[in-house]
Amino acid sequence: MRILILITSSTLDRLITLGTITLGAVSMGHEVAIYATQSASFAFLRGYADKIGGYNSDSVLSELAGGVVRGYNDAIKGGRFYRWYEMIRQAKEIGNVRVYVCTQPFELAGIKVGLGDFLDVVDELVMIGKYVELLEWCDKSVSL
């Protein structure tokens, strides 16, 4: 199966989910394309991925969400878990994964970027036309 994952948010809960779904799907033999746009585009910048700590949840759940963030960071430090982009890197090593980052948010912010400004998991910098192509390519689409 060919799976397209659209991610629009740079919050840690969405990024962990992205890494987990990508690695899981590829481990099961599926192809994955990731299309990052809006604030998710910024998450793939070198120098920023390790600084992301915001976990989106309702204020009633903030104590629980804080525990997830602490647990995530502790598990990474202890070698029991991987950062979200490391899961994508692992998935690329074992299967077919392509990562596309939309440049529209950068253009709107007046920021000039090139592929070298991004984590090594990024394959191409694109615009919305690529997303439409990927919708035609995929069998299933997931939005995060």
C-alpha atoms as a PDB file:
ATOM      1  CA  MET A   1       0.000   0.000   0.000  1.00  0.00           C
ATOM      2  CA  ARG A   2       1.128   3.582  -0.671  1.00  0.00           C
ATOM      3  CA  ILE A   3       0.456   5.917   2.258  1.00  0.00           C
ATOM      4  CA  LEU A   4       0.554   9.707   2.155  1.00  0.00           C
ATOM      5  CA  ILE A   5       0.963  11.497   5.481  1.00  0.00           C
ATOM      6  CA  LEU A   6       0.111  15.196   5.561  1.00  0.00           C
ATOM      7  CA  ILE A   7       1.507  17.000   8.593  1.00  0.00           C
ATOM      8  CA  THR A   8       0.704  20.651   9.272  1.00  0.00           C
ATOM      9  CA  SER A   9       1.724  21.047  12.912  1.00  0.00           C
ATOM     10  CA  SER A  10       5.145  21.268  14.534  1.00  0.00           C
ATOM     11  CA  THR A  11       4.024  20.111  17.972  1.00  0.00           C
ATOM     12  CA  LEU A  12       5.859  17.192  19.497  1.00  0.00           C
ATOM     13  CA  ASP A  13       2.735  15.018  19.757  1.00  0.00           C
ATOM     14  CA  ARG A  14       2.218  15.224  15.972  1.00  0.00           C
ATOM     15  CA  LEU A  15       5.904  14.703  15.180  1.00  0.00           C
ATOM     16  CA  ILE A  16       6.192  11.610  17.410  1.00  0.00           C
ATOM     17  CA  THR A  17       3.064  10.251  15.715  1.00  0.00           C
ATOM     18  CA  LEU A  18       4.599  10.978  12.302  1.00  0.00           C
ATOM     19  CA  GLY A  19       7.764   9.051  13.135  1.00  0.00           C
ATOM     20  CA  THR A  20       5.848   6.163  14.675  1.00  0.00           C
ATOM     21  CA  ILE A  21       3.370   5.756  11.801  1.00  0.00           C
ATOM     22  CA  THR A  22       6.125   6.064   9.198  1.00  0.00           C
ATOM     23  CA  LEU A  23       8.392   3.481  10.805  1.00  0.00           C
ATOM     24  CA  GLY A  24       5.495   1.126  11.524  1.00  0.00           C
ATOM     25  CA  ALA A  25       4.084   1.330   7.995  1.00  0.00           C
ATOM     26  CA  VAL A  26       7.449   0.764   6.337  1.00  0.00           C
ATOM     27  CA  SER A  27       8.164  -2.139   8.709  1.00  0.00           C
ATOM     28  CA  MET A  28       4.965  -3.713   7.385  1.00  0.00           C
ATOM     29  CA  GLY A  29       6.122  -3.305   3.765  1.00  0.00           C
ATOM     30  CA  HIS A  30       4.234  -0.142   2.810  1.00  0.00           C
ATOM     31  CA  GLU A  31       5.561   2.862   0.897  1.00  0.00           C
ATOM     32  CA  VAL A  32       5.253   6.240   2.634  1.00  0.00           C
ATOM     33  CA  ALA A  33       5.325   9.815   1.375  1.00  0.00           C
ATOM     34  CA  ILE A  34       5.369  12.635   3.915  1.00  0.00           C
ATOM     35  CA  TYR A  35       4.193  16.114   2.933  1.00  0.00           C
ATOM     36  CA  ALA A  36       5.029  18.747   5.564  1.00  0.00           C
ATOM     37  CA  THR A  37       3.493  22.202   5.370  1.00  0.00           C
ATOM     38  CA  GLN A  38       2.647  25.163   7.596  1.00  0.00           C
ATOM     39  CA  SER A  39       4.523  25.007  10.926  1.00  0.00           C
ATOM     40  CA  ALA A  40       5.526  21.384  10.271  1.00  0.00           C
ATOM     41  CA  SER A  41       7.788  22.685   7.492  1.00  0.00           C
ATOM     42  CA  PHE A  42       9.817  24.548  10.118  1.00  0.00           C
ATOM     43  CA  ALA A  43      10.246  21.388  12.232  1.00  0.00           C
ATOM     44  CA  PHE A  44      12.478  19.885   9.531  1.00  0.00           C
ATOM     45  CA  LEU A  45      15.004  22.740   9.693  1.00  0.00           C
ATOM     46  CA  ARG A  46      18.460  21.861  10.971  1.00  0.00           C
ATOM     47  CA  GLY A  47      18.982  23.285  14.443  1.00  0.00           C
ATOM     48  CA  TYR A  48      15.305  23.285  15.374  1.00  0.00           C
ATOM     49  CA  ALA A  49      14.178  19.632  15.434  1.00  0.00           C
ATOM     50  CA  ASP A  50      15.845  18.903  18.793  1.00  0.00           C
ATOM     51  CA  LYS A  51      14.390  22.022  20.411  1.00  0.00           C
ATOM     52  CA  ILE A  52      10.726  21.168  19.833  1.00  0.00           C
ATOM     53  CA  GLY A  53       9.058  20.426  23.149  1.00  0.00           C
ATOM     54  CA  GLY A  54       5.488  21.659  22.837  1.00  0.00           C
ATOM     55  CA  TYR A  55       2.922  18.895  23.271  1.00  0.00           C
ATOM     56  CA  ASN A  56      -0.578  19.906  22.207  1.00  0.00           C
ATOM     57  CA  SER A  57      -3.340  18.940  24.592  1.00  0.00           C
ATOM     58  CA  ASP A  58      -6.341  20.352  26.383  1.00  0.00           C
ATOM     59  CA  SER A  59      -5.446  22.293  29.536  1.00  0.00           C
ATOM     60  CA  VAL A  60      -7.215  19.626  31.633  1.00  0.00           C
ATOM     61  CA  LEU A  61      -4.637  17.140  30.363  1.00  0.00           C
ATOM     62  CA  SER A  62      -1.554  19.357  30.687  1.00  0.00           C
ATOM     63  CA  GLU A  63      -0.102  17.406  33.617  1.00  0.00           C
ATOM     64  CA  LEU A  64      -0.421  14.139  31.673  1.00  0.00           C
ATOM     65  CA  ALA A  65       0.997  15.709  28.505  1.00  0.00           C
ATOM     66  CA  GLY A  66       3.942  17.053  30.491  1.00  0.00           C
ATOM     67  CA  GLY A  67       4.607  13.511  31.670  1.00  0.00           C
ATOM     68  CA  VAL A  68       4.728  12.324  28.064  1.00  0.00           C
ATOM     69  CA  VAL A  69       7.287  14.986  27.155  1.00  0.00           C
ATOM     70  CA  ARG A  70       9.439  14.134  30.194  1.00  0.00           C
ATOM     71  CA  GLY A  71       9.132  10.417  29.429  1.00  0.00           C
ATOM     72  CA  TYR A  72      10.038  10.984  25.767  1.00  0.00           C
ATOM     73  CA  ASN A  73      13.134  12.998  26.676  1.00  0.00           C
ATOM     74  CA  ASP A  74      14.191  10.515  29.373  1.00  0.00           C
ATOM     75  CA  ALA A  75      13.712   7.554  27.019  1.00  0.00           C
ATOM     76  CA  ILE A  76      15.843   9.250  24.355  1.00  0.00           C
ATOM     77  CA  LYS A  77      18.587  10.035  26.858  1.00  0.00           C
ATOM     78  CA  GLY A  78      18.448   6.432  28.092  1.00  0.00           C
ATOM     79  CA  GLY A  79      18.611   5.009  24.567  1.00  0.00           C
ATOM     80  CA  ARG A  80      15.144   3.418  24.837  1.00  0.00           C
ATOM     81  CA  PHE A  81      13.418   5.577  22.218  1.00  0.00           C
ATOM     82  CA  TYR A  82      14.300   7.604  19.131  1.00  0.00           C
ATOM     83  CA  ARG A  83      13.642  11.181  18.161  1.00  0.00           C
ATOM     84  CA  TRP A  84      10.836  11.572  15.622  1.00  0.00           C
ATOM     85  CA  TYR A  85      13.202  12.346  12.750  1.00  0.00           C
ATOM     86  CA  GLU A  86      15.460   9.409  13.670  1.00  0.00           C
ATOM     87  CA  MET A  87      12.430   7.113  13.255  1.00  0.00           C
ATOM     88  CA  ILE A  88      11.946   8.568   9.774  1.00  0.00           C
ATOM     89  CA  ARG A  89      15.650   8.012   9.042  1.00  0.00           C
ATOM     90  CA  GLN A  90      15.343   4.373  10.159  1.00  0.00           C
ATOM     91  CA  ALA A  91      12.252   3.929   7.984  1.00  0.00           C
ATOM     92  CA  LYS A  92      14.156   5.291   4.974  1.00  0.00           C
ATOM     93  CA  GLU A  93      16.915   2.733   5.611  1.00  0.00           C
ATOM     94  CA  ILE A  94      14.515  -0.226   5.501  1.00  0.00           C
ATOM     95  CA  GLY A  95      11.946   0.849   2.939  1.00  0.00           C
ATOM     96  CA  ASN A  96      10.584   3.419   0.525  1.00  0.00           C
ATOM     97  CA  VAL A  97      10.008   6.751   2.263  1.00  0.00           C
ATOM     98  CA  ARG A  98      10.069  10.188   0.669  1.00  0.00           C
ATOM     99  CA  VAL A  99       9.856  13.442   2.616  1.00  0.00           C
ATOM    100  CA  TYR A 100       8.592  16.599   0.915  1.00  0.00           C
ATOM    101  CA  VAL A 101       8.655  19.981   2.647  1.00  0.00           C
ATOM    102  CA  CYS A 102       6.419  22.765   1.363  1.00  0.00           C
ATOM    103  CA  THR A 103       8.259  26.063   0.998  1.00  0.00           C
ATOM    104  CA  GLN A 104       5.166  28.289   1.108  1.00  0.00           C
ATOM    105  CA  PRO A 105       5.497  29.063   4.864  1.00  0.00           C
ATOM    106  CA  PHE A 106       9.090  30.206   4.297  1.00  0.00           C
ATOM    107  CA  GLU A 107       8.097  32.403   1.376  1.00  0.00           C
ATOM    108  CA  LEU A 108       5.298  33.975   3.423  1.00  0.00           C
ATOM    109  CA  ALA A 109       7.806  34.671   6.220  1.00  0.00           C
ATOM    110  CA  GLY A 110      10.359  36.099   3.779  1.00  0.00           C
ATOM    111  CA  ILE A 111      12.873  33.342   4.568  1.00  0.00           C
ATOM    112  CA  LYS A 112      15.054  31.952   1.784  1.00  0.00           C
ATOM    113  CA  VAL A 113      15.867  28.257   2.195  1.00  0.00           C
ATOM    114  CA  GLY A 114      17.639  25.515   0.287  1.00  0.00           C
ATOM    115  CA  LEU A 115      17.721  21.758   0.763  1.00  0.00           C
ATOM    116  CA  GLY A 116      20.936  22.080   2.789  1.00  0.00           C
ATOM    117  CA  ASP A 117      19.030  24.000   5.481  1.00  0.00           C
ATOM    118  CA  PHE A 118      17.000  20.906   6.354  1.00  0.00           C
ATOM    119  CA  LEU A 119      17.514  17.599   8.135  1.00  0.00           C
ATOM    120  CA  ASP A 120      19.003  14.885   5.940  1.00  0.00           C
ATOM    121  CA  VAL A 121      15.675  13.004   5.857  1.00  0.00           C
ATOM    122  CA  VAL A 122      14.167  15.665   3.557  1.00  0.00           C
ATOM    123  CA  ASP A 123      14.183  14.675  -0.110  1.00  0.00           C
ATOM    124  CA  GLU A 124      12.657  17.701  -1.847  1.00  0.00           C
ATOM    125  CA  LEU A 125      11.419  21.230  -1.271  1.00  0.00           C
ATOM    126  CA  VAL A 126       8.076  21.573  -3.029  1.00  0.00           C
ATOM    127  CA  MET A 127       4.839  23.522  -3.393  1.00  0.00           C
ATOM    128  CA  ILE A 128       1.174  22.471  -3.405  1.00  0.00           C
ATOM    129  CA  GLY A 129       1.321  20.840  -6.849  1.00  0.00           C
ATOM    130  CA  LYS A 130       3.400  18.033  -5.340  1.00  0.00           C
ATOM    131  CA  TYR A 131       0.730  17.386  -2.741  1.00  0.00           C
ATOM    132  CA  VAL A 132      -1.887  16.981  -5.470  1.00  0.00           C
ATOM    133  CA  GLU A 133       0.428  14.537  -7.303  1.00  0.00           C
ATOM    134  CA  LEU A 134       0.881  12.570  -4.084  1.00  0.00           C
ATOM    135  CA  LEU A 135      -2.889  12.391  -3.566  1.00  0.00           C
ATOM    136  CA  GLU A 136      -3.139  10.747  -6.982  1.00  0.00           C
ATOM    137  CA  TRP A 137      -0.243   8.395  -6.124  1.00  0.00           C
ATOM    138  CA  CYS A 138      -1.435   7.160  -2.739  1.00  0.00           C
ATOM    139  CA  ASP A 139      -3.868   4.426  -1.745  1.00  0.00           C
ATOM    140  CA  LYS A 140      -4.491   5.949   1.699  1.00  0.00           C
ATOM    141  CA  SER A 141      -3.995   9.431   3.095  1.00  0.00           C
ATOM    142  CA  VAL A 142      -3.503  10.392   6.757  1.00  0.00           C
ATOM    143  CA  SER A 143      -3.576  13.958   8.108  1.00  0.00           C
ATOM    144  CA  LEU A 144      -1.772  14.919  11.300  1.00  0.00           C
END
